[in-house]
N, C-alpha and C. Protein backbone atom coordinates (compact mmCIF):
# COMPACT_ATOMS: atom_id res chain seq x y z
N MET A 1 148.16 -1.31 98.68
CA MET A 1 147.64 -2.62 99.03
C MET A 1 147.70 -3.51 97.81
N SER A 2 148.21 -4.72 97.97
CA SER A 2 148.25 -5.69 96.88
C SER A 2 146.97 -6.50 96.89
N LYS A 3 146.42 -6.72 95.73
CA LYS A 3 145.22 -7.52 95.64
C LYS A 3 145.37 -8.50 94.49
N ALA A 4 144.76 -9.65 94.63
CA ALA A 4 144.76 -10.63 93.56
C ALA A 4 143.40 -11.29 93.55
N GLN A 5 142.84 -11.49 92.37
CA GLN A 5 141.52 -12.07 92.26
C GLN A 5 141.61 -13.59 92.10
N ARG A 6 140.68 -14.29 92.73
CA ARG A 6 140.54 -15.73 92.56
C ARG A 6 139.14 -15.99 92.08
N SER A 7 138.91 -17.20 91.60
CA SER A 7 137.61 -17.51 91.03
C SER A 7 136.49 -17.47 92.07
N ASN A 8 136.76 -17.85 93.31
CA ASN A 8 135.68 -17.88 94.30
C ASN A 8 135.85 -16.82 95.38
N GLY A 9 136.63 -15.80 95.12
CA GLY A 9 136.79 -14.76 96.12
C GLY A 9 137.97 -13.88 95.82
N GLN A 10 138.49 -13.28 96.85
CA GLN A 10 139.59 -12.34 96.70
C GLN A 10 140.62 -12.61 97.77
N VAL A 11 141.89 -12.50 97.40
CA VAL A 11 142.95 -12.61 98.37
C VAL A 11 143.76 -11.34 98.33
N SER A 12 144.26 -10.90 99.44
CA SER A 12 145.08 -9.70 99.46
C SER A 12 146.01 -9.72 100.65
N SER A 13 147.05 -8.90 100.55
CA SER A 13 147.97 -8.72 101.67
C SER A 13 147.93 -7.24 102.03
N VAL A 14 147.79 -6.96 103.32
CA VAL A 14 147.68 -5.58 103.78
C VAL A 14 148.67 -5.36 104.90
N GLY A 15 149.40 -4.29 104.84
CA GLY A 15 150.34 -3.95 105.90
C GLY A 15 151.67 -4.66 105.71
N GLY A 16 152.72 -4.07 106.19
CA GLY A 16 154.03 -4.67 106.07
C GLY A 16 154.52 -4.63 104.64
N PRO A 17 155.60 -5.36 104.34
CA PRO A 17 156.17 -5.37 103.00
C PRO A 17 155.17 -5.94 101.99
N GLU A 18 155.23 -5.44 100.80
CA GLU A 18 154.31 -5.86 99.75
C GLU A 18 154.82 -7.11 99.04
N PHE A 19 153.92 -8.01 98.77
CA PHE A 19 154.19 -9.11 97.85
C PHE A 19 153.52 -8.72 96.54
N SER A 20 154.12 -9.08 95.43
CA SER A 20 153.53 -8.72 94.14
C SER A 20 152.24 -9.50 93.92
N ASN A 21 151.40 -9.00 93.01
CA ASN A 21 150.16 -9.70 92.67
C ASN A 21 150.45 -11.12 92.20
N ASP A 22 151.50 -11.27 91.39
CA ASP A 22 151.85 -12.60 90.88
C ASP A 22 152.24 -13.54 92.01
N GLU A 23 153.00 -13.03 92.98
CA GLU A 23 153.39 -13.87 94.12
C GLU A 23 152.17 -14.26 94.95
N LEU A 24 151.28 -13.29 95.20
CA LEU A 24 150.06 -13.59 95.95
C LEU A 24 149.22 -14.64 95.24
N LEU A 25 149.04 -14.46 93.93
CA LEU A 25 148.25 -15.44 93.17
C LEU A 25 148.90 -16.82 93.20
N GLU A 26 150.20 -16.83 93.00
CA GLU A 26 150.92 -18.11 92.95
C GLU A 26 150.82 -18.86 94.27
N VAL A 27 151.06 -18.17 95.36
CA VAL A 27 151.12 -18.83 96.66
C VAL A 27 149.73 -19.06 97.24
N LEU A 28 148.87 -18.06 97.20
CA LEU A 28 147.57 -18.18 97.86
C LEU A 28 146.50 -18.86 97.00
N SER A 29 146.85 -19.24 95.78
CA SER A 29 145.86 -19.91 94.93
C SER A 29 145.64 -21.36 95.33
N ASN A 30 146.48 -21.89 96.21
CA ASN A 30 146.36 -23.28 96.62
C ASN A 30 145.94 -23.38 98.08
N GLN A 31 144.96 -24.21 98.36
CA GLN A 31 144.43 -24.35 99.71
C GLN A 31 145.48 -24.83 100.70
N ARG A 32 146.31 -25.78 100.33
CA ARG A 32 147.34 -26.28 101.27
C ARG A 32 148.32 -25.18 101.64
N ARG A 33 148.64 -24.31 100.70
CA ARG A 33 149.56 -23.22 101.01
C ARG A 33 148.87 -22.18 101.91
N ARG A 34 147.58 -21.92 101.68
CA ARG A 34 146.85 -21.02 102.56
C ARG A 34 146.77 -21.60 103.96
N PHE A 35 146.51 -22.90 104.06
CA PHE A 35 146.46 -23.55 105.38
C PHE A 35 147.82 -23.47 106.07
N THR A 36 148.90 -23.60 105.29
CA THR A 36 150.25 -23.51 105.84
C THR A 36 150.49 -22.13 106.44
N ILE A 37 150.15 -21.08 105.70
CA ILE A 37 150.34 -19.72 106.21
C ILE A 37 149.48 -19.51 107.45
N HIS A 38 148.25 -19.99 107.41
CA HIS A 38 147.34 -19.83 108.55
C HIS A 38 147.96 -20.43 109.81
N TYR A 39 148.46 -21.66 109.70
CA TYR A 39 149.02 -22.32 110.88
C TYR A 39 150.29 -21.63 111.37
N LEU A 40 151.16 -21.25 110.43
CA LEU A 40 152.41 -20.60 110.82
C LEU A 40 152.16 -19.22 111.44
N LYS A 41 151.12 -18.53 110.98
CA LYS A 41 150.76 -17.25 111.60
C LYS A 41 150.36 -17.47 113.06
N GLN A 42 149.65 -18.55 113.33
CA GLN A 42 149.24 -18.85 114.70
C GLN A 42 150.45 -19.17 115.58
N ARG A 43 151.48 -19.72 115.01
CA ARG A 43 152.68 -20.10 115.78
C ARG A 43 153.65 -18.94 115.98
N LYS A 44 153.36 -17.79 115.39
CA LYS A 44 154.06 -16.52 115.65
C LYS A 44 155.60 -16.63 115.59
N GLY A 45 156.11 -17.07 114.45
CA GLY A 45 157.54 -17.08 114.24
C GLY A 45 158.28 -18.30 114.74
N GLU A 46 157.59 -19.25 115.35
CA GLU A 46 158.26 -20.47 115.82
C GLU A 46 158.63 -21.36 114.63
N HIS A 47 159.69 -22.12 114.81
CA HIS A 47 160.03 -23.16 113.83
C HIS A 47 159.10 -24.34 114.08
N VAL A 48 158.45 -24.80 113.04
CA VAL A 48 157.47 -25.89 113.14
C VAL A 48 157.97 -27.06 112.32
N SER A 49 157.82 -28.26 112.84
CA SER A 49 158.23 -29.43 112.08
C SER A 49 157.23 -29.68 110.95
N VAL A 50 157.73 -30.24 109.86
CA VAL A 50 156.85 -30.56 108.73
C VAL A 50 155.79 -31.57 109.16
N SER A 51 156.14 -32.47 110.08
CA SER A 51 155.17 -33.45 110.57
C SER A 51 154.00 -32.78 111.29
N GLU A 52 154.32 -31.81 112.15
CA GLU A 52 153.27 -31.08 112.87
C GLU A 52 152.40 -30.30 111.89
N LEU A 53 153.04 -29.60 110.96
CA LEU A 53 152.30 -28.84 109.95
C LEU A 53 151.41 -29.76 109.12
N THR A 54 151.96 -30.92 108.76
CA THR A 54 151.19 -31.90 107.99
C THR A 54 149.91 -32.30 108.71
N ASP A 55 150.02 -32.56 110.01
CA ASP A 55 148.85 -32.98 110.78
C ASP A 55 147.74 -31.94 110.70
N TRP A 56 148.08 -30.67 110.88
CA TRP A 56 147.06 -29.63 110.88
C TRP A 56 146.48 -29.40 109.50
N VAL A 57 147.33 -29.36 108.48
CA VAL A 57 146.84 -29.15 107.11
C VAL A 57 145.94 -30.31 106.69
N ALA A 58 146.37 -31.53 106.98
CA ALA A 58 145.55 -32.71 106.62
C ALA A 58 144.24 -32.72 107.40
N SER A 59 144.28 -32.30 108.66
CA SER A 59 143.08 -32.25 109.48
C SER A 59 142.05 -31.29 108.88
N TRP A 60 142.51 -30.08 108.53
CA TRP A 60 141.60 -29.09 107.95
C TRP A 60 141.12 -29.53 106.57
N GLU A 61 142.03 -30.10 105.79
CA GLU A 61 141.69 -30.52 104.43
C GLU A 61 140.64 -31.63 104.44
N ASN A 62 140.74 -32.53 105.38
CA ASN A 62 139.82 -33.67 105.45
C ASN A 62 138.67 -33.46 106.43
N ASP A 63 138.62 -32.27 107.04
CA ASP A 63 137.56 -31.90 107.98
C ASP A 63 137.39 -32.98 109.06
N THR A 64 138.52 -33.29 109.70
CA THR A 64 138.50 -34.31 110.75
C THR A 64 139.52 -33.95 111.82
N GLU A 65 139.43 -34.60 112.96
CA GLU A 65 140.40 -34.39 114.03
C GLU A 65 141.73 -35.04 113.65
N ILE A 66 142.82 -34.51 114.19
CA ILE A 66 144.15 -35.05 113.87
C ILE A 66 144.24 -36.53 114.22
N GLU A 67 143.67 -36.90 115.37
CA GLU A 67 143.73 -38.29 115.82
C GLU A 67 143.01 -39.25 114.87
N ALA A 68 142.06 -38.73 114.09
CA ALA A 68 141.27 -39.58 113.19
C ALA A 68 141.86 -39.68 111.79
N LEU A 69 142.97 -38.98 111.53
CA LEU A 69 143.59 -39.02 110.20
C LEU A 69 144.16 -40.40 109.92
N THR A 70 144.01 -40.84 108.70
CA THR A 70 144.61 -42.12 108.29
C THR A 70 146.06 -41.87 107.87
N HIS A 71 146.82 -42.96 107.81
CA HIS A 71 148.21 -42.86 107.35
C HIS A 71 148.26 -42.31 105.93
N GLN A 72 147.34 -42.75 105.09
CA GLN A 72 147.32 -42.31 103.70
C GLN A 72 147.02 -40.81 103.58
N GLU A 73 146.10 -40.30 104.39
CA GLU A 73 145.78 -38.86 104.36
C GLU A 73 146.99 -38.03 104.77
N ARG A 74 147.69 -38.48 105.81
CA ARG A 74 148.89 -37.77 106.26
C ARG A 74 149.99 -37.82 105.19
N LYS A 75 150.20 -39.00 104.64
CA LYS A 75 151.27 -39.20 103.67
C LYS A 75 151.05 -38.35 102.42
N ARG A 76 149.81 -38.30 101.94
CA ARG A 76 149.49 -37.52 100.74
C ARG A 76 149.82 -36.04 100.96
N VAL A 77 149.43 -35.49 102.11
CA VAL A 77 149.68 -34.08 102.40
C VAL A 77 151.17 -33.84 102.64
N ARG A 78 151.82 -34.71 103.43
CA ARG A 78 153.25 -34.55 103.74
C ARG A 78 154.09 -34.55 102.46
N ASN A 79 153.83 -35.50 101.57
CA ASN A 79 154.61 -35.58 100.32
C ASN A 79 154.40 -34.33 99.46
N ALA A 80 153.16 -33.87 99.36
CA ALA A 80 152.88 -32.67 98.56
C ALA A 80 153.54 -31.44 99.16
N LEU A 81 153.50 -31.32 100.49
CA LEU A 81 154.15 -30.18 101.13
C LEU A 81 155.66 -30.21 100.90
N ARG A 82 156.28 -31.35 101.16
CA ARG A 82 157.75 -31.44 101.05
C ARG A 82 158.24 -31.26 99.61
N GLN A 83 157.56 -31.90 98.69
CA GLN A 83 158.06 -31.93 97.32
C GLN A 83 157.67 -30.70 96.50
N PHE A 84 156.57 -30.05 96.85
CA PHE A 84 156.08 -28.99 95.98
C PHE A 84 155.77 -27.68 96.71
N HIS A 85 154.86 -27.72 97.66
CA HIS A 85 154.34 -26.48 98.25
C HIS A 85 155.36 -25.71 99.07
N LEU A 86 156.07 -26.38 99.97
CA LEU A 86 157.04 -25.67 100.81
C LEU A 86 158.19 -25.08 100.00
N PRO A 87 158.78 -25.81 99.05
CA PRO A 87 159.82 -25.19 98.23
C PRO A 87 159.31 -23.97 97.44
N LYS A 88 158.09 -24.06 96.93
CA LYS A 88 157.52 -22.93 96.17
C LYS A 88 157.33 -21.72 97.08
N MET A 89 156.81 -21.94 98.27
CA MET A 89 156.61 -20.84 99.21
C MET A 89 157.94 -20.24 99.65
N ASP A 90 158.95 -21.08 99.79
CA ASP A 90 160.29 -20.61 100.13
C ASP A 90 160.86 -19.76 99.00
N ASP A 91 160.69 -20.22 97.77
CA ASP A 91 161.19 -19.48 96.61
C ASP A 91 160.57 -18.09 96.51
N HIS A 92 159.31 -17.95 96.89
CA HIS A 92 158.60 -16.66 96.79
C HIS A 92 158.76 -15.80 98.05
N GLY A 93 159.51 -16.29 99.05
CA GLY A 93 159.81 -15.48 100.21
C GLY A 93 158.74 -15.45 101.29
N PHE A 94 157.82 -16.42 101.28
CA PHE A 94 156.78 -16.47 102.29
C PHE A 94 157.24 -17.24 103.53
N ILE A 95 158.05 -18.27 103.33
CA ILE A 95 158.53 -19.09 104.43
C ILE A 95 160.02 -19.36 104.28
N GLU A 96 160.60 -19.87 105.37
CA GLU A 96 161.96 -20.42 105.33
C GLU A 96 161.80 -21.91 105.60
N TYR A 97 162.17 -22.69 104.60
CA TYR A 97 161.99 -24.15 104.67
C TYR A 97 163.36 -24.80 104.71
N ASP A 98 163.63 -25.54 105.79
CA ASP A 98 164.87 -26.30 105.93
C ASP A 98 164.53 -27.76 105.71
N ALA A 99 164.73 -28.21 104.46
CA ALA A 99 164.37 -29.58 104.10
C ALA A 99 165.20 -30.61 104.86
N ARG A 100 166.45 -30.29 105.16
CA ARG A 100 167.32 -31.23 105.86
C ARG A 100 166.83 -31.47 107.29
N ARG A 101 166.46 -30.41 107.98
CA ARG A 101 165.96 -30.54 109.35
C ARG A 101 164.47 -30.82 109.42
N GLY A 102 163.77 -30.59 108.32
CA GLY A 102 162.33 -30.81 108.31
C GLY A 102 161.57 -29.78 109.11
N THR A 103 162.03 -28.49 109.02
CA THR A 103 161.35 -27.42 109.76
C THR A 103 160.96 -26.30 108.80
N VAL A 104 159.97 -25.54 109.23
CA VAL A 104 159.48 -24.43 108.43
C VAL A 104 159.05 -23.30 109.36
N THR A 105 159.25 -22.06 108.93
CA THR A 105 158.80 -20.88 109.67
C THR A 105 158.46 -19.78 108.67
N LEU A 106 157.60 -18.84 109.09
CA LEU A 106 157.29 -17.70 108.24
C LEU A 106 158.50 -16.77 108.16
N THR A 107 158.68 -16.13 107.01
CA THR A 107 159.67 -15.07 106.91
C THR A 107 159.15 -13.85 107.67
N ASP A 108 160.03 -12.92 107.98
CA ASP A 108 159.61 -11.69 108.65
C ASP A 108 158.61 -10.93 107.80
N GLU A 109 158.82 -10.94 106.48
CA GLU A 109 157.91 -10.24 105.57
C GLU A 109 156.51 -10.81 105.62
N ALA A 110 156.39 -12.14 105.60
CA ALA A 110 155.08 -12.78 105.65
C ALA A 110 154.45 -12.63 107.03
N ALA A 111 155.27 -12.65 108.07
CA ALA A 111 154.75 -12.50 109.43
C ALA A 111 154.18 -11.10 109.64
N ASP A 112 154.76 -10.10 108.99
CA ASP A 112 154.31 -8.71 109.14
C ASP A 112 153.10 -8.38 108.27
N ALA A 113 152.85 -9.17 107.25
CA ALA A 113 151.73 -8.91 106.34
C ALA A 113 150.46 -9.61 106.85
N ASN A 114 149.33 -9.01 106.55
CA ASN A 114 148.04 -9.64 106.84
C ASN A 114 147.47 -10.15 105.52
N PHE A 115 147.14 -11.44 105.48
CA PHE A 115 146.58 -12.04 104.28
C PHE A 115 145.11 -12.32 104.52
N TYR A 116 144.27 -11.85 103.60
CA TYR A 116 142.83 -12.00 103.72
C TYR A 116 142.32 -12.89 102.60
N VAL A 117 141.46 -13.83 102.96
CA VAL A 117 140.85 -14.72 101.98
C VAL A 117 139.34 -14.58 102.12
N ASP A 118 138.72 -14.04 101.08
CA ASP A 118 137.27 -13.90 101.09
C ASP A 118 136.68 -15.23 100.64
N SER A 119 136.21 -15.99 101.58
CA SER A 119 135.70 -17.33 101.30
C SER A 119 134.23 -17.39 101.70
N LEU A 120 133.36 -17.55 100.69
CA LEU A 120 131.93 -17.64 100.96
C LEU A 120 131.56 -19.09 101.17
N THR A 121 130.96 -19.37 102.31
CA THR A 121 130.54 -20.73 102.62
C THR A 121 129.08 -20.71 103.01
N GLY A 122 128.39 -21.78 102.73
CA GLY A 122 126.99 -21.90 103.13
C GLY A 122 126.14 -20.79 102.56
N GLY A 123 125.39 -20.10 103.42
CA GLY A 123 124.47 -19.06 102.98
C GLY A 123 125.03 -17.66 103.07
N ASP A 124 126.36 -17.52 103.09
CA ASP A 124 126.96 -16.19 103.18
C ASP A 124 126.58 -15.34 101.97
N ILE A 125 126.38 -14.05 102.22
CA ILE A 125 126.11 -13.09 101.16
C ILE A 125 127.33 -12.19 101.05
N PRO A 126 127.85 -11.98 99.84
CA PRO A 126 129.00 -11.08 99.69
C PRO A 126 128.63 -9.68 100.20
N TRP A 127 129.61 -9.01 100.81
CA TRP A 127 129.36 -7.69 101.37
C TRP A 127 128.89 -6.71 100.31
N GLY A 128 129.39 -6.79 99.10
CA GLY A 128 128.96 -5.88 98.03
C GLY A 128 127.47 -6.00 97.75
N ILE A 129 126.96 -7.23 97.71
CA ILE A 129 125.53 -7.44 97.46
C ILE A 129 124.73 -6.97 98.67
N TYR A 130 125.24 -7.21 99.88
CA TYR A 130 124.55 -6.76 101.09
C TYR A 130 124.38 -5.24 101.06
N TYR A 131 125.49 -4.50 100.77
CA TYR A 131 125.41 -3.04 100.75
C TYR A 131 124.51 -2.53 99.62
N LEU A 132 124.52 -3.23 98.50
CA LEU A 132 123.63 -2.87 97.40
C LEU A 132 122.17 -3.00 97.84
N GLY A 133 121.84 -4.09 98.53
CA GLY A 133 120.48 -4.28 99.04
C GLY A 133 120.10 -3.24 100.08
N LEU A 134 121.03 -2.93 100.98
CA LEU A 134 120.76 -1.92 102.01
C LEU A 134 120.54 -0.55 101.38
N SER A 135 121.36 -0.22 100.39
CA SER A 135 121.20 1.06 99.69
C SER A 135 119.87 1.13 98.96
N ALA A 136 119.49 0.03 98.30
CA ALA A 136 118.21 0.00 97.57
C ALA A 136 117.05 0.17 98.55
N PHE A 137 117.11 -0.50 99.70
CA PHE A 137 116.04 -0.37 100.69
C PHE A 137 115.93 1.05 101.21
N CYS A 138 117.07 1.66 101.57
CA CYS A 138 117.06 3.04 102.08
C CYS A 138 116.58 4.01 100.99
N GLY A 139 117.00 3.77 99.74
CA GLY A 139 116.54 4.62 98.63
C GLY A 139 115.05 4.50 98.41
N LEU A 140 114.52 3.28 98.52
CA LEU A 140 113.08 3.06 98.38
C LEU A 140 112.31 3.80 99.47
N CYS A 141 112.82 3.73 100.70
CA CYS A 141 112.19 4.44 101.81
C CYS A 141 112.20 5.95 101.58
N LEU A 142 113.32 6.49 101.11
CA LEU A 142 113.43 7.92 100.84
C LEU A 142 112.46 8.34 99.73
N LEU A 143 112.40 7.57 98.66
CA LEU A 143 111.48 7.88 97.56
C LEU A 143 110.03 7.79 98.03
N GLY A 144 109.73 6.79 98.84
CA GLY A 144 108.36 6.65 99.36
C GLY A 144 107.97 7.84 100.21
N TYR A 145 108.90 8.32 101.05
CA TYR A 145 108.61 9.47 101.88
C TYR A 145 108.45 10.73 101.02
N TRP A 146 109.37 10.91 100.07
CA TRP A 146 109.35 12.08 99.19
C TRP A 146 108.06 12.13 98.36
N ALA A 147 107.58 10.95 97.93
CA ALA A 147 106.35 10.88 97.13
C ALA A 147 105.09 10.93 97.99
N GLY A 148 105.25 10.93 99.30
CA GLY A 148 104.10 11.00 100.20
C GLY A 148 103.29 9.73 100.27
N LEU A 149 103.95 8.59 100.07
CA LEU A 149 103.25 7.30 100.07
C LEU A 149 103.15 6.72 101.48
N PHE A 150 102.03 6.08 101.73
CA PHE A 150 101.83 5.34 102.98
C PHE A 150 102.57 4.02 102.86
N PRO A 151 103.28 3.49 103.81
CA PRO A 151 103.41 3.90 105.20
C PRO A 151 104.65 4.76 105.47
N PHE A 152 105.36 5.15 104.37
CA PHE A 152 106.62 5.88 104.55
C PHE A 152 106.41 7.23 105.24
N THR A 153 105.24 7.84 105.06
CA THR A 153 104.97 9.15 105.66
C THR A 153 104.69 9.07 107.15
N LEU A 154 104.54 7.85 107.68
CA LEU A 154 104.30 7.70 109.12
C LEU A 154 105.56 8.00 109.95
N VAL A 155 106.70 7.98 109.29
CA VAL A 155 107.97 8.17 109.99
C VAL A 155 108.55 9.54 109.61
N GLU A 156 108.99 10.28 110.60
CA GLU A 156 109.57 11.61 110.38
C GLU A 156 110.96 11.50 109.75
N PRO A 157 111.40 12.55 109.02
CA PRO A 157 112.73 12.53 108.38
C PRO A 157 113.87 12.27 109.37
N PHE A 158 113.79 12.86 110.57
CA PHE A 158 114.85 12.63 111.56
C PHE A 158 114.93 11.15 111.93
N THR A 159 113.79 10.49 112.07
CA THR A 159 113.78 9.06 112.41
C THR A 159 114.37 8.24 111.28
N TRP A 160 114.06 8.62 110.01
CA TRP A 160 114.67 7.93 108.87
C TRP A 160 116.20 8.09 108.91
N SER A 161 116.64 9.30 109.24
CA SER A 161 118.09 9.56 109.31
C SER A 161 118.76 8.70 110.37
N VAL A 162 118.11 8.61 111.53
CA VAL A 162 118.66 7.78 112.62
C VAL A 162 118.69 6.31 112.18
N PHE A 163 117.63 5.86 111.49
CA PHE A 163 117.59 4.48 111.01
C PHE A 163 118.74 4.19 110.05
N VAL A 164 118.93 5.08 109.06
CA VAL A 164 119.98 4.87 108.06
C VAL A 164 121.36 4.89 108.73
N LEU A 165 121.59 5.85 109.62
CA LEU A 165 122.88 5.93 110.33
C LEU A 165 123.13 4.68 111.16
N THR A 166 122.11 4.21 111.86
CA THR A 166 122.25 3.00 112.68
C THR A 166 122.53 1.78 111.81
N ALA A 167 121.80 1.65 110.69
CA ALA A 167 122.00 0.51 109.79
C ALA A 167 123.41 0.51 109.21
N LEU A 168 123.91 1.67 108.81
CA LEU A 168 125.26 1.76 108.25
C LEU A 168 126.33 1.48 109.31
N THR A 169 126.11 1.99 110.51
CA THR A 169 127.07 1.76 111.59
C THR A 169 127.16 0.29 111.94
N ILE A 170 126.02 -0.36 112.12
CA ILE A 170 126.02 -1.79 112.46
C ILE A 170 126.64 -2.60 111.33
N SER A 171 126.30 -2.25 110.08
CA SER A 171 126.85 -2.97 108.93
C SER A 171 128.36 -2.79 108.84
N SER A 172 128.83 -1.57 109.08
CA SER A 172 130.27 -1.30 109.00
C SER A 172 131.05 -2.04 110.08
N VAL A 173 130.51 -2.06 111.29
CA VAL A 173 131.16 -2.80 112.37
C VAL A 173 131.20 -4.29 112.04
N GLY A 174 130.09 -4.82 111.53
CA GLY A 174 130.05 -6.23 111.13
C GLY A 174 131.04 -6.53 110.02
N HIS A 175 131.14 -5.64 109.05
CA HIS A 175 132.05 -5.83 107.93
C HIS A 175 133.50 -5.80 108.41
N PHE A 176 133.82 -4.83 109.28
CA PHE A 176 135.18 -4.75 109.82
C PHE A 176 135.53 -6.03 110.58
N TYR A 177 134.63 -6.48 111.45
CA TYR A 177 134.87 -7.70 112.23
C TYR A 177 135.05 -8.90 111.31
N ASP A 178 134.20 -8.98 110.29
CA ASP A 178 134.28 -10.09 109.34
C ASP A 178 135.62 -10.11 108.63
N ASN A 179 136.06 -8.94 108.16
CA ASN A 179 137.34 -8.85 107.46
C ASN A 179 138.50 -9.16 108.39
N TYR A 180 138.52 -8.53 109.55
CA TYR A 180 139.68 -8.64 110.43
C TYR A 180 139.77 -9.98 111.14
N TYR A 181 138.64 -10.56 111.46
CA TYR A 181 138.65 -11.80 112.24
C TYR A 181 138.38 -13.03 111.39
N ARG A 182 137.31 -13.04 110.64
CA ARG A 182 136.92 -14.26 109.94
C ARG A 182 137.80 -14.54 108.71
N MET A 183 138.19 -13.51 107.96
CA MET A 183 138.85 -13.73 106.68
C MET A 183 140.37 -13.59 106.73
N ARG A 184 140.94 -13.22 107.88
CA ARG A 184 142.39 -13.03 107.96
C ARG A 184 143.06 -14.35 108.34
N LEU A 185 144.03 -14.75 107.53
CA LEU A 185 144.76 -15.99 107.82
C LEU A 185 145.47 -15.86 109.16
N GLY A 186 145.29 -16.87 110.01
CA GLY A 186 145.93 -16.91 111.31
C GLY A 186 145.13 -16.28 112.43
N ALA A 187 143.98 -15.66 112.12
CA ALA A 187 143.22 -14.94 113.15
C ALA A 187 142.38 -15.87 114.02
N ARG A 188 141.89 -16.96 113.44
CA ARG A 188 141.03 -17.88 114.18
C ARG A 188 141.72 -19.23 114.33
N GLU A 189 141.06 -20.11 115.07
CA GLU A 189 141.64 -21.45 115.24
C GLU A 189 141.73 -22.17 113.90
N LYS A 190 140.68 -22.07 113.09
CA LYS A 190 140.66 -22.74 111.79
C LYS A 190 140.73 -21.70 110.67
N PRO A 191 141.24 -22.09 109.48
CA PRO A 191 141.29 -21.16 108.36
C PRO A 191 139.90 -20.71 107.92
N PRO A 192 139.81 -19.58 107.20
CA PRO A 192 138.52 -19.06 106.76
C PRO A 192 137.68 -20.06 105.97
N GLU A 193 138.33 -20.95 105.24
CA GLU A 193 137.61 -21.89 104.38
C GLU A 193 137.05 -23.09 105.13
N VAL A 194 137.48 -23.28 106.36
CA VAL A 194 137.06 -24.43 107.13
C VAL A 194 135.91 -24.00 108.05
N ASP A 195 134.81 -24.69 107.97
CA ASP A 195 133.63 -24.34 108.77
C ASP A 195 133.95 -24.52 110.24
N GLU A 196 133.71 -23.45 111.02
CA GLU A 196 133.94 -23.51 112.46
C GLU A 196 132.88 -24.32 113.17
N GLY A 197 131.71 -24.47 112.52
CA GLY A 197 130.58 -25.14 113.16
C GLY A 197 130.90 -26.52 113.59
């Protein structure tokens, strides 16, 4: 599995052909390029016009509906995509960009890979801190029972075991769902960084 660290989270590609850490950092370090991959993943190999891609990227970037975008917002994104982002993504093998026709599509390699962006928004707690807290709580309960302290002795060891197993199972299912659905580019209508609310 390839992984690359970013300042506000982690990006990685899982499954399919590997992209190098440098390629992942280079391409996924920019929000417009992440939005581009997200949209192209949703289109499942279709050729998309740069104009259509521009509308969606600008919409997500400005947190507004496509119909409400100004000419200037569209122009700024379109120029940046055409002149910089799309050629760079093409050079690194993530997309096929036909500047003459004004179309773009994911390469087979990028279409087969899953890209995850760990983006914390609002009151989200990182999974590592969540599991640390859960472990500390379960450890405190175990120590309290072992030391014979009230109220920990009110619960039998089997009940503690069922509680810990249930907590870990629910947490693991939630973590899997969060990784596979919320943080995977192309999995939802909007990219991970854009608030669905």
